[in-house]
Amino acid sequence: MMLNEKLKQCRENSGFSQEKIAELLGVSRQAVTKWENGQSSPSSHNLTALASIYKTSLDELADNKNKGEVKDKKILHSNLTLIAIILQASSLNVCIQPMLPEEYGLPYTALLLFKFLSLLACSTWMAYNLRYEKNSIQFRKNVKFELGYCLVQVGVMLFALYSQLTFAGTLLIIFVTIIYIFVINPKYMNRTMVVKKNRK
């Protein structure tokens, strides 16, 4: 909610008219109207006086951050987290594919290093996205779930590498990723990874 909207709402909730607020502050009624219409803003002195009249804190009154901005940030964080999870799953899949160095003209060790550095970069990004959780208890819980998820995916990767069941490994990686995105994240990690449609 913007400052002008808060000023109007607080005045109406307190039962004051614009004329009364103007009288208490020693300003014109037109000035109060302009504040509430967003055409101008009260001075810091008047803002402090308004907070006192409306029996609210100055921080609460002056906080301009609206719910839309918070929601947009949450959507952005969810999208960044989702991209990191998908990229990590893709990197895992690349790691289990058989390497044919002669096709690329690159040494075997260089290809191997590239694969595992890509996986490390995506996993680091996933871990970095944990910072979006501000609740410390939920944060610790999310760290455990994400660590568990990564260990399961590494287990799937090692299984596919040593059994040479590449296709089965790919399917398992996809399955574990889907469960993590659509079940674990929303149910246990306080993350909404998909937009829920409103049913009429």
N, C-alpha and C. Protein backbone atom coordinates (compact mmCIF):
# COMPACT_ATOMS: atom_id res chain seq x y z
N MET A 1 0.85 -1.19 0.00
CA MET A 1 0.00 0.00 0.00
C MET A 1 0.88 1.24 0.00
N MET A 2 0.58 2.20 -0.87
CA MET A 2 1.37 3.42 -0.98
C MET A 2 1.05 4.37 0.18
N LEU A 3 1.95 5.34 0.38
CA LEU A 3 1.81 6.27 1.50
C LEU A 3 0.47 7.00 1.48
N ASN A 4 0.08 7.52 0.31
CA ASN A 4 -1.18 8.28 0.24
C ASN A 4 -2.38 7.41 0.62
N GLU A 5 -2.36 6.15 0.21
CA GLU A 5 -3.45 5.23 0.54
C GLU A 5 -3.48 4.95 2.04
N LYS A 6 -2.28 4.80 2.62
CA LYS A 6 -2.20 4.55 4.07
C LYS A 6 -2.71 5.75 4.87
N LEU A 7 -2.35 6.96 4.40
CA LEU A 7 -2.81 8.16 5.09
C LEU A 7 -4.33 8.26 5.10
N LYS A 8 -4.93 7.96 3.95
CA LYS A 8 -6.39 8.02 3.85
C LYS A 8 -7.04 6.95 4.72
N GLN A 9 -6.49 5.74 4.64
CA GLN A 9 -7.05 4.62 5.40
C GLN A 9 -6.94 4.87 6.91
N CYS A 10 -5.79 5.36 7.35
CA CYS A 10 -5.59 5.64 8.78
C CYS A 10 -6.54 6.74 9.26
N ARG A 11 -6.71 7.77 8.44
CA ARG A 11 -7.62 8.85 8.83
C ARG A 11 -9.05 8.35 8.96
N GLU A 12 -9.48 7.56 7.97
CA GLU A 12 -10.85 7.03 8.01
C GLU A 12 -11.05 6.07 9.18
N ASN A 13 -10.04 5.24 9.43
CA ASN A 13 -10.12 4.28 10.55
C ASN A 13 -10.16 5.01 11.90
N SER A 14 -9.51 6.17 11.96
CA SER A 14 -9.48 6.94 13.21
C SER A 14 -10.72 7.83 13.37
N GLY A 15 -11.52 7.95 12.31
CA GLY A 15 -12.75 8.74 12.38
C GLY A 15 -12.56 10.24 12.25
N PHE A 16 -11.43 10.65 11.68
CA PHE A 16 -11.16 12.08 11.49
C PHE A 16 -11.57 12.53 10.10
N SER A 17 -11.97 13.78 10.01
CA SER A 17 -12.21 14.38 8.68
C SER A 17 -10.92 15.04 8.22
N GLN A 18 -10.84 15.36 6.94
CA GLN A 18 -9.66 16.07 6.44
C GLN A 18 -9.51 17.43 7.11
N GLU A 19 -10.65 18.07 7.36
CA GLU A 19 -10.62 19.38 8.01
C GLU A 19 -10.01 19.29 9.41
N LYS A 20 -10.36 18.22 10.16
CA LYS A 20 -9.85 18.05 11.52
C LYS A 20 -8.34 17.80 11.51
N ILE A 21 -7.89 16.97 10.55
CA ILE A 21 -6.45 16.69 10.44
C ILE A 21 -5.71 17.98 10.09
N ALA A 22 -6.27 18.75 9.17
CA ALA A 22 -5.65 20.03 8.79
C ALA A 22 -5.55 20.96 9.99
N GLU A 23 -6.61 20.99 10.78
CA GLU A 23 -6.64 21.85 11.97
C GLU A 23 -5.59 21.41 12.99
N LEU A 24 -5.48 20.09 13.22
CA LEU A 24 -4.51 19.56 14.19
C LEU A 24 -3.07 19.82 13.77
N LEU A 25 -2.82 19.82 12.47
CA LEU A 25 -1.46 20.00 11.96
C LEU A 25 -1.14 21.45 11.64
N GLY A 26 -2.19 22.29 11.56
CA GLY A 26 -1.97 23.69 11.21
C GLY A 26 -1.67 23.88 9.74
N VAL A 27 -2.30 23.02 8.90
CA VAL A 27 -2.13 23.15 7.45
C VAL A 27 -3.52 23.32 6.82
N SER A 28 -3.56 23.56 5.51
CA SER A 28 -4.85 23.70 4.83
C SER A 28 -5.45 22.32 4.54
N ARG A 29 -6.78 22.30 4.37
CA ARG A 29 -7.45 21.04 4.02
C ARG A 29 -6.98 20.55 2.65
N GLN A 30 -6.67 21.51 1.75
CA GLN A 30 -6.19 21.15 0.41
C GLN A 30 -4.87 20.38 0.48
N ALA A 31 -4.03 20.73 1.46
CA ALA A 31 -2.75 20.02 1.64
C ALA A 31 -3.00 18.57 2.02
N VAL A 32 -3.94 18.35 2.93
CA VAL A 32 -4.28 16.98 3.35
C VAL A 32 -4.86 16.20 2.17
N THR A 33 -5.70 16.86 1.37
CA THR A 33 -6.29 16.22 0.18
C THR A 33 -5.19 15.80 -0.79
N LYS A 34 -4.22 16.69 -1.01
CA LYS A 34 -3.11 16.38 -1.92
C LYS A 34 -2.28 15.20 -1.41
N TRP A 35 -2.06 15.14 -0.09
CA TRP A 35 -1.32 14.00 0.48
C TRP A 35 -2.04 12.70 0.20
N GLU A 36 -3.37 12.72 0.39
CA GLU A 36 -4.15 11.49 0.24
C GLU A 36 -4.39 11.11 -1.22
N ASN A 37 -4.25 12.09 -2.12
CA ASN A 37 -4.38 11.80 -3.56
C ASN A 37 -3.04 11.44 -4.20
N GLY A 38 -1.96 11.55 -3.43
CA GLY A 38 -0.64 11.24 -3.95
C GLY A 38 -0.04 12.36 -4.78
N GLN A 39 -0.62 13.58 -4.71
CA GLN A 39 -0.11 14.71 -5.49
C GLN A 39 1.09 15.36 -4.80
N SER A 40 1.18 15.19 -3.50
CA SER A 40 2.35 15.67 -2.74
C SER A 40 2.49 14.80 -1.49
N SER A 41 3.60 14.99 -0.81
CA SER A 41 3.85 14.19 0.41
C SER A 41 4.04 15.12 1.60
N PRO A 42 3.62 14.67 2.77
CA PRO A 42 3.82 15.50 3.97
C PRO A 42 5.30 15.58 4.33
N SER A 43 5.68 16.66 4.98
CA SER A 43 7.06 16.80 5.45
C SER A 43 7.31 15.77 6.55
N SER A 44 8.57 15.58 6.88
CA SER A 44 8.91 14.60 7.92
C SER A 44 8.28 14.99 9.26
N HIS A 45 8.20 16.29 9.53
CA HIS A 45 7.58 16.78 10.77
C HIS A 45 6.09 16.41 10.79
N ASN A 46 5.40 16.70 9.67
CA ASN A 46 3.96 16.40 9.58
C ASN A 46 3.70 14.89 9.59
N LEU A 47 4.62 14.13 8.97
CA LEU A 47 4.47 12.67 8.95
C LEU A 47 4.57 12.09 10.36
N THR A 48 5.49 12.63 11.13
CA THR A 48 5.65 12.20 12.53
C THR A 48 4.40 12.54 13.34
N ALA A 49 3.85 13.74 13.09
CA ALA A 49 2.63 14.17 13.79
C ALA A 49 1.45 13.29 13.39
N LEU A 50 1.36 12.94 12.11
CA LEU A 50 0.27 12.07 11.62
C LEU A 50 0.35 10.69 12.28
N ALA A 51 1.57 10.16 12.38
CA ALA A 51 1.74 8.85 13.02
C ALA A 51 1.25 8.88 14.46
N SER A 52 1.53 10.00 15.14
CA SER A 52 1.08 10.17 16.53
C SER A 52 -0.44 10.28 16.61
N ILE A 53 -1.04 11.05 15.69
CA ILE A 53 -2.50 11.23 15.67
C ILE A 53 -3.21 9.91 15.39
N TYR A 54 -2.66 9.15 14.44
CA TYR A 54 -3.29 7.88 14.04
C TYR A 54 -2.89 6.71 14.94
N LYS A 55 -2.04 7.01 15.94
CA LYS A 55 -1.58 5.99 16.90
C LYS A 55 -0.94 4.78 16.18
N THR A 56 -0.01 5.09 15.29
CA THR A 56 0.74 4.06 14.57
C THR A 56 2.20 4.46 14.57
N SER A 57 3.07 3.54 14.21
CA SER A 57 4.51 3.88 14.17
C SER A 57 4.83 4.59 12.85
N LEU A 58 5.87 5.38 12.89
CA LEU A 58 6.31 6.11 11.70
C LEU A 58 6.76 5.13 10.61
N ASP A 59 7.43 4.05 11.03
CA ASP A 59 7.89 3.03 10.07
C ASP A 59 6.71 2.40 9.34
N GLU A 60 5.67 2.09 10.09
CA GLU A 60 4.48 1.47 9.51
C GLU A 60 3.81 2.41 8.52
N LEU A 61 3.76 3.67 8.86
CA LEU A 61 3.09 4.66 8.02
C LEU A 61 3.91 4.98 6.77
N ALA A 62 5.23 5.04 6.92
CA ALA A 62 6.08 5.48 5.80
C ALA A 62 6.53 4.34 4.91
N ASP A 63 6.25 3.09 5.27
CA ASP A 63 6.67 1.95 4.46
C ASP A 63 5.85 1.90 3.18
N ASN A 64 6.50 2.19 2.05
CA ASN A 64 5.79 2.26 0.76
C ASN A 64 5.72 0.94 0.02
N LYS A 65 6.40 -0.07 0.53
CA LYS A 65 6.46 -1.33 -0.20
C LYS A 65 5.08 -1.94 -0.30
N ASN A 66 4.58 -2.15 -1.50
CA ASN A 66 3.24 -2.71 -1.65
C ASN A 66 3.31 -4.21 -1.83
N LYS A 67 2.16 -4.84 -1.70
CA LYS A 67 2.11 -6.30 -1.75
C LYS A 67 2.49 -6.83 -3.12
N GLY A 68 2.18 -6.04 -4.15
CA GLY A 68 2.51 -6.46 -5.52
C GLY A 68 4.00 -6.64 -5.70
N GLU A 69 4.79 -5.71 -5.12
CA GLU A 69 6.25 -5.80 -5.23
C GLU A 69 6.77 -7.04 -4.52
N VAL A 70 6.22 -7.33 -3.33
CA VAL A 70 6.63 -8.52 -2.57
C VAL A 70 6.30 -9.78 -3.36
N LYS A 71 5.08 -9.80 -3.96
CA LYS A 71 4.67 -10.96 -4.73
C LYS A 71 5.56 -11.15 -5.95
N ASP A 72 5.90 -10.05 -6.63
CA ASP A 72 6.77 -10.12 -7.81
C ASP A 72 8.14 -10.67 -7.43
N LYS A 73 8.67 -10.26 -6.26
CA LYS A 73 9.96 -10.77 -5.81
C LYS A 73 9.89 -12.27 -5.54
N LYS A 74 8.78 -12.69 -4.93
CA LYS A 74 8.62 -14.11 -4.62
C LYS A 74 8.56 -14.95 -5.89
N ILE A 75 7.88 -14.43 -6.91
CA ILE A 75 7.79 -15.12 -8.20
C ILE A 75 9.18 -15.20 -8.84
N LEU A 76 9.93 -14.10 -8.78
CA LEU A 76 11.28 -14.07 -9.34
C LEU A 76 12.17 -15.09 -8.64
N HIS A 77 12.13 -15.14 -7.30
CA HIS A 77 12.94 -16.09 -6.54
C HIS A 77 12.56 -17.52 -6.88
N SER A 78 11.26 -17.79 -7.01
CA SER A 78 10.80 -19.13 -7.36
C SER A 78 11.31 -19.53 -8.75
N ASN A 79 11.25 -18.59 -9.69
CA ASN A 79 11.72 -18.87 -11.05
C ASN A 79 13.22 -19.14 -11.09
N LEU A 80 13.99 -18.35 -10.35
CA LEU A 80 15.45 -18.56 -10.30
C LEU A 80 15.78 -19.91 -9.68
N THR A 81 15.05 -20.28 -8.64
CA THR A 81 15.26 -21.57 -7.98
C THR A 81 14.90 -22.71 -8.93
N LEU A 82 13.78 -22.57 -9.63
CA LEU A 82 13.33 -23.59 -10.57
C LEU A 82 14.34 -23.79 -11.70
N ILE A 83 14.86 -22.68 -12.24
CA ILE A 83 15.87 -22.76 -13.31
C ILE A 83 17.11 -23.49 -12.81
N ALA A 84 17.54 -23.18 -11.59
CA ALA A 84 18.74 -23.82 -11.03
C ALA A 84 18.53 -25.33 -10.87
N ILE A 85 17.33 -25.73 -10.41
CA ILE A 85 17.03 -27.17 -10.23
C ILE A 85 17.05 -27.89 -11.58
N ILE A 86 16.43 -27.28 -12.58
CA ILE A 86 16.36 -27.90 -13.91
C ILE A 86 17.76 -27.99 -14.53
N LEU A 87 18.55 -26.93 -14.38
CA LEU A 87 19.92 -26.95 -14.93
C LEU A 87 20.78 -28.00 -14.23
N GLN A 88 20.58 -28.16 -12.92
CA GLN A 88 21.35 -29.18 -12.20
C GLN A 88 20.98 -30.57 -12.69
N ALA A 89 19.67 -30.81 -12.91
CA ALA A 89 19.21 -32.11 -13.42
C ALA A 89 19.79 -32.35 -14.82
N SER A 90 19.83 -31.29 -15.64
CA SER A 90 20.40 -31.41 -17.00
C SER A 90 21.89 -31.74 -16.93
N SER A 91 22.59 -31.10 -16.00
CA SER A 91 24.02 -31.36 -15.83
C SER A 91 24.27 -32.80 -15.37
N LEU A 92 23.41 -33.28 -14.47
CA LEU A 92 23.52 -34.68 -14.03
C LEU A 92 23.35 -35.63 -15.21
N ASN A 93 22.39 -35.31 -16.06
CA ASN A 93 22.13 -36.15 -17.23
C ASN A 93 23.32 -36.14 -18.19
N VAL A 94 23.94 -34.96 -18.36
CA VAL A 94 25.12 -34.86 -19.23
C VAL A 94 26.26 -35.70 -18.66
N CYS A 95 26.40 -35.69 -17.32
CA CYS A 95 27.48 -36.43 -16.67
C CYS A 95 27.38 -37.94 -16.89
N ILE A 96 26.16 -38.47 -17.03
CA ILE A 96 26.03 -39.93 -17.17
C ILE A 96 26.10 -40.40 -18.63
N GLN A 97 26.14 -39.45 -19.56
CA GLN A 97 26.22 -39.83 -20.97
C GLN A 97 27.63 -40.32 -21.29
N PRO A 98 27.73 -41.35 -22.14
CA PRO A 98 29.07 -41.84 -22.52
C PRO A 98 29.83 -40.77 -23.30
N MET A 99 31.13 -40.69 -23.06
CA MET A 99 31.94 -39.67 -23.71
C MET A 99 32.70 -40.26 -24.89
N LEU A 100 32.68 -39.53 -25.98
CA LEU A 100 33.42 -39.90 -27.17
C LEU A 100 34.37 -38.76 -27.53
N PRO A 101 35.50 -38.70 -26.85
CA PRO A 101 36.39 -37.55 -27.01
C PRO A 101 36.87 -37.31 -28.43
N GLU A 102 36.97 -38.40 -29.23
CA GLU A 102 37.48 -38.23 -30.59
C GLU A 102 36.53 -37.39 -31.45
N GLU A 103 35.25 -37.37 -31.10
CA GLU A 103 34.28 -36.59 -31.87
C GLU A 103 34.47 -35.09 -31.64
N TYR A 104 34.96 -34.71 -30.50
CA TYR A 104 35.11 -33.30 -30.15
C TYR A 104 36.54 -32.80 -30.32
N GLY A 105 37.46 -33.71 -30.49
CA GLY A 105 38.86 -33.32 -30.61
C GLY A 105 39.43 -32.81 -29.30
N LEU A 106 38.82 -33.23 -28.19
CA LEU A 106 39.27 -32.78 -26.86
C LEU A 106 39.75 -33.98 -26.06
N PRO A 107 40.72 -33.78 -25.16
CA PRO A 107 41.17 -34.89 -24.31
C PRO A 107 40.06 -35.33 -23.35
N TYR A 108 40.10 -36.58 -22.97
CA TYR A 108 39.08 -37.17 -22.10
C TYR A 108 38.97 -36.41 -20.78
N THR A 109 40.10 -36.06 -20.18
CA THR A 109 40.09 -35.38 -18.88
C THR A 109 39.45 -33.99 -18.98
N ALA A 110 39.66 -33.30 -20.11
CA ALA A 110 39.07 -31.96 -20.29
C ALA A 110 37.55 -32.07 -20.35
N LEU A 111 37.04 -33.08 -21.06
CA LEU A 111 35.59 -33.27 -21.15
C LEU A 111 35.01 -33.63 -19.79
N LEU A 112 35.71 -34.51 -19.09
CA LEU A 112 35.26 -34.93 -17.76
C LEU A 112 35.22 -33.73 -16.80
N LEU A 113 36.25 -32.91 -16.86
CA LEU A 113 36.33 -31.72 -16.01
C LEU A 113 35.20 -30.74 -16.33
N PHE A 114 34.93 -30.56 -17.63
CA PHE A 114 33.86 -29.65 -18.05
C PHE A 114 32.50 -30.12 -17.52
N LYS A 115 32.24 -31.42 -17.61
CA LYS A 115 30.97 -31.98 -17.13
C LYS A 115 30.78 -31.73 -15.64
N PHE A 116 31.80 -32.04 -14.87
CA PHE A 116 31.66 -31.94 -13.42
C PHE A 116 31.72 -30.49 -12.92
N LEU A 117 32.40 -29.62 -13.66
CA LEU A 117 32.38 -28.20 -13.29
C LEU A 117 31.00 -27.59 -13.55
N SER A 118 30.35 -28.03 -14.64
CA SER A 118 28.98 -27.57 -14.94
C SER A 118 28.03 -28.01 -13.83
N LEU A 119 28.18 -29.27 -13.40
CA LEU A 119 27.35 -29.80 -12.32
C LEU A 119 27.59 -29.03 -11.02
N LEU A 120 28.85 -28.75 -10.73
CA LEU A 120 29.21 -28.01 -9.51
C LEU A 120 28.63 -26.59 -9.55
N ALA A 121 28.70 -25.94 -10.71
CA ALA A 121 28.19 -24.58 -10.84
C ALA A 121 26.67 -24.54 -10.60
N CYS A 122 25.95 -25.49 -11.19
CA CYS A 122 24.49 -25.53 -11.03
C CYS A 122 24.10 -25.87 -9.58
N SER A 123 24.83 -26.77 -8.97
CA SER A 123 24.56 -27.14 -7.57
C SER A 123 24.84 -25.97 -6.63
N THR A 124 25.90 -25.21 -6.92
CA THR A 124 26.24 -24.02 -6.12
C THR A 124 25.13 -22.98 -6.25
N TRP A 125 24.61 -22.81 -7.47
CA TRP A 125 23.51 -21.85 -7.68
C TRP A 125 22.27 -22.27 -6.90
N MET A 126 21.98 -23.58 -6.91
CA MET A 126 20.85 -24.08 -6.13
C MET A 126 21.02 -23.74 -4.65
N ALA A 127 22.21 -24.00 -4.13
CA ALA A 127 22.48 -23.73 -2.71
C ALA A 127 22.39 -22.23 -2.43
N TYR A 128 22.86 -21.41 -3.36
CA TYR A 128 22.83 -19.95 -3.19
C TYR A 128 21.39 -19.43 -3.12
N ASN A 129 20.48 -20.09 -3.83
CA ASN A 129 19.07 -19.68 -3.83
C ASN A 129 18.37 -19.95 -2.50
N LEU A 130 19.00 -20.71 -1.63
CA LEU A 130 18.41 -20.95 -0.31
C LEU A 130 18.32 -19.67 0.51
N ARG A 131 19.11 -18.66 0.15
CA ARG A 131 19.14 -17.40 0.91
C ARG A 131 17.81 -16.67 0.85
N TYR A 132 16.94 -17.00 -0.09
CA TYR A 132 15.66 -16.31 -0.21
C TYR A 132 14.72 -16.63 0.95
N GLU A 133 14.98 -17.72 1.67
CA GLU A 133 14.15 -18.07 2.83
C GLU A 133 14.63 -17.28 4.04
N LYS A 134 13.79 -16.37 4.53
CA LYS A 134 14.16 -15.49 5.63
C LYS A 134 13.91 -16.10 7.01
N ASN A 135 13.02 -17.08 7.09
CA ASN A 135 12.73 -17.74 8.36
C ASN A 135 13.87 -18.72 8.67
N SER A 136 14.57 -18.51 9.79
CA SER A 136 15.76 -19.31 10.09
C SER A 136 15.45 -20.80 10.30
N ILE A 137 14.30 -21.10 10.90
CA ILE A 137 13.92 -22.51 11.12
C ILE A 137 13.65 -23.18 9.78
N GLN A 138 12.87 -22.49 8.93
CA GLN A 138 12.56 -23.03 7.60
C GLN A 138 13.82 -23.13 6.76
N PHE A 139 14.74 -22.17 6.90
CA PHE A 139 16.00 -22.18 6.16
C PHE A 139 16.79 -23.45 6.46
N ARG A 140 16.93 -23.77 7.76
CA ARG A 140 17.68 -24.98 8.15
C ARG A 140 17.00 -26.24 7.62
N LYS A 141 15.68 -26.23 7.65
CA LYS A 141 14.90 -27.36 7.13
C LYS A 141 15.14 -27.51 5.62
N ASN A 142 15.15 -26.37 4.91
CA ASN A 142 15.35 -26.39 3.46
C ASN A 142 16.74 -26.88 3.09
N VAL A 143 17.74 -26.50 3.90
CA VAL A 143 19.12 -26.95 3.66
C VAL A 143 19.18 -28.48 3.72
N LYS A 144 18.50 -29.06 4.73
CA LYS A 144 18.50 -30.52 4.89
C LYS A 144 17.82 -31.21 3.72
N PHE A 145 16.66 -30.66 3.30
CA PHE A 145 15.94 -31.26 2.18
C PHE A 145 16.74 -31.16 0.88
N GLU A 146 17.37 -30.00 0.66
CA GLU A 146 18.14 -29.82 -0.57
C GLU A 146 19.37 -30.71 -0.58
N LEU A 147 20.01 -30.85 0.57
CA LEU A 147 21.16 -31.75 0.67
C LEU A 147 20.74 -33.19 0.40
N GLY A 148 19.60 -33.58 0.98
CA GLY A 148 19.07 -34.93 0.74
C GLY A 148 18.76 -35.17 -0.72
N TYR A 149 18.15 -34.17 -1.36
CA TYR A 149 17.82 -34.26 -2.78
C TYR A 149 19.09 -34.43 -3.62
N CYS A 150 20.11 -33.62 -3.32
CA CYS A 150 21.37 -33.69 -4.08
C CYS A 150 22.06 -35.04 -3.90
N LEU A 151 22.01 -35.58 -2.68
CA LEU A 151 22.62 -36.90 -2.43
C LEU A 151 21.90 -37.99 -3.20
N VAL A 152 20.56 -37.90 -3.25
CA VAL A 152 19.78 -38.88 -4.03
C VAL A 152 20.16 -38.79 -5.51
N GLN A 153 20.26 -37.55 -6.02
CA GLN A 153 20.60 -37.39 -7.43
C GLN A 153 22.02 -37.87 -7.74
N VAL A 154 22.95 -37.64 -6.82
CA VAL A 154 24.32 -38.16 -7.00
C VAL A 154 24.31 -39.69 -6.99
N GLY A 155 23.48 -40.27 -6.11
CA GLY A 155 23.33 -41.73 -6.08
C GLY A 155 22.81 -42.27 -7.40
N VAL A 156 21.82 -41.58 -7.97
CA VAL A 156 21.26 -41.97 -9.28
C VAL A 156 22.34 -41.86 -10.35
N MET A 157 23.12 -40.78 -10.30
CA MET A 157 24.18 -40.58 -11.29
C MET A 157 25.24 -41.69 -11.21
N LEU A 158 25.66 -42.03 -9.99
CA LEU A 158 26.66 -43.09 -9.82
C LEU A 158 26.12 -44.44 -10.27
N PHE A 159 24.85 -44.70 -9.96
CA PHE A 159 24.20 -45.93 -10.41
C PHE A 159 24.24 -46.03 -11.93
N ALA A 160 23.88 -44.92 -12.60
CA ALA A 160 23.84 -44.91 -14.07
C ALA A 160 25.24 -45.06 -14.66
N LEU A 161 26.22 -44.43 -14.03
CA LEU A 161 27.60 -44.49 -14.53
C LEU A 161 28.18 -45.91 -14.44
N TYR A 162 27.99 -46.52 -13.26
CA TYR A 162 28.62 -47.83 -13.05
C TYR A 162 27.83 -48.99 -13.65
N SER A 163 26.53 -48.82 -13.80
CA SER A 163 25.73 -49.88 -14.42
C SER A 163 25.64 -49.70 -15.92
N GLN A 164 26.04 -48.51 -16.40
CA GLN A 164 25.96 -48.13 -17.82
C GLN A 164 24.53 -48.18 -18.36
N LEU A 165 23.57 -47.98 -17.46
CA LEU A 165 22.16 -47.89 -17.85
C LEU A 165 21.80 -46.41 -18.00
N THR A 166 22.29 -45.82 -19.08
CA THR A 166 22.14 -44.38 -19.30
C THR A 166 20.68 -43.96 -19.39
N PHE A 167 19.89 -44.68 -20.17
CA PHE A 167 18.49 -44.31 -20.36
C PHE A 167 17.70 -44.41 -19.05
N ALA A 168 17.94 -45.49 -18.31
CA ALA A 168 17.28 -45.67 -17.01
C ALA A 168 17.71 -44.56 -16.04
N GLY A 169 18.98 -44.18 -16.09
CA GLY A 169 19.49 -43.11 -15.25
C GLY A 169 18.83 -41.77 -15.56
N THR A 170 18.66 -41.50 -16.86
CA THR A 170 17.99 -40.26 -17.29
C THR A 170 16.56 -40.22 -16.77
N LEU A 171 15.84 -41.34 -16.90
CA LEU A 171 14.46 -41.41 -16.42
C LEU A 171 14.39 -41.19 -14.91
N LEU A 172 15.33 -41.80 -14.19
CA LEU A 172 15.36 -41.65 -12.72
C LEU A 172 15.65 -40.20 -12.31
N ILE A 173 16.58 -39.56 -13.02
CA ILE A 173 16.90 -38.15 -12.73
C ILE A 173 15.67 -37.28 -12.94
N ILE A 174 14.96 -37.51 -14.04
CA ILE A 174 13.74 -36.74 -14.34
C ILE A 174 12.69 -37.00 -13.26
N PHE A 175 12.50 -38.25 -12.88
CA PHE A 175 11.50 -38.61 -11.88
C PHE A 175 11.78 -37.93 -10.53
N VAL A 176 13.04 -38.02 -10.08
CA VAL A 176 13.43 -37.42 -8.79
C VAL A 176 13.26 -35.91 -8.83
N THR A 177 13.61 -35.29 -9.97
CA THR A 177 13.47 -33.83 -10.13
C THR A 177 12.01 -33.41 -10.06
N ILE A 178 11.14 -34.15 -10.72
CA ILE A 178 9.70 -33.84 -10.72
C ILE A 178 9.13 -33.94 -9.30
N ILE A 179 9.51 -34.99 -8.58
CA ILE A 179 9.05 -35.16 -7.19
C ILE A 179 9.54 -34.00 -6.33
N TYR A 180 10.79 -33.59 -6.55
CA TYR A 180 11.37 -32.50 -5.76
C TYR A 180 10.65 -31.17 -6.03
N ILE A 181 10.36 -30.90 -7.31
CA ILE A 181 9.72 -29.64 -7.68
C ILE A 181 8.26 -29.59 -7.26
N PHE A 182 7.51 -30.65 -7.55
CA PHE A 182 6.06 -30.61 -7.37
C PHE A 182 5.55 -31.13 -6.02
N VAL A 183 6.40 -31.85 -5.27
CA VAL A 183 5.96 -32.40 -3.98
C VAL A 183 6.78 -31.83 -2.82
N ILE A 184 8.10 -32.04 -2.86
CA ILE A 184 8.95 -31.65 -1.73
C ILE A 184 8.98 -30.14 -1.52
N ASN A 185 9.20 -29.37 -2.60
CA ASN A 185 9.31 -27.91 -2.47
C ASN A 185 8.05 -27.27 -1.90
N PRO A 186 6.86 -27.51 -2.48
CA PRO A 186 5.67 -26.84 -1.91
C PRO A 186 5.23 -27.39 -0.56
N LYS A 187 5.39 -28.71 -0.34
CA LYS A 187 4.86 -29.33 0.87
C LYS A 187 5.77 -29.16 2.08
N TYR A 188 7.08 -29.24 1.88
CA TYR A 188 8.00 -29.24 3.02
C TYR A 188 8.96 -28.04 3.07
N MET A 189 9.15 -27.35 1.94
CA MET A 189 10.17 -26.30 1.88
C MET A 189 9.59 -24.89 1.76
N ASN A 190 8.29 -24.76 1.85
CA ASN A 190 7.63 -23.45 1.79
C ASN A 190 7.95 -22.70 0.50
N ARG A 191 8.06 -23.45 -0.60
CA ARG A 191 8.33 -22.84 -1.91
C ARG A 191 7.20 -23.19 -2.86
N THR A 192 6.72 -22.20 -3.58
CA THR A 192 5.70 -22.45 -4.60
C THR A 192 6.38 -22.37 -5.95
N MET A 193 6.56 -23.52 -6.59
CA MET A 193 7.30 -23.55 -7.85
C MET A 193 6.40 -23.44 -9.08
N VAL A 194 5.11 -23.64 -8.88
CA VAL A 194 4.16 -23.56 -10.00
C VAL A 194 3.04 -22.61 -9.62
N VAL A 195 2.48 -21.93 -10.61
CA VAL A 195 1.37 -21.00 -10.36
C VAL A 195 0.09 -21.78 -10.24
N LYS A 196 -0.64 -21.53 -9.14
CA LYS A 196 -1.91 -22.19 -8.94
C LYS A 196 -3.02 -21.37 -9.58
N LYS A 197 -3.84 -22.02 -10.39
CA LYS A 197 -4.94 -21.32 -11.04
C LYS A 197 -6.11 -21.20 -10.09
N ASN A 198 -6.71 -20.02 -10.08
CA ASN A 198 -7.88 -19.80 -9.24
C ASN A 198 -9.10 -20.43 -9.90
N ARG A 199 -9.76 -21.27 -9.16
CA ARG A 199 -10.97 -21.89 -9.69
C ARG A 199 -12.18 -21.06 -9.33
N LYS A 200 -13.00 -20.79 -10.34
CA LYS A 200 -14.20 -19.98 -10.12
C LYS A 200 -15.37 -20.86 -9.71
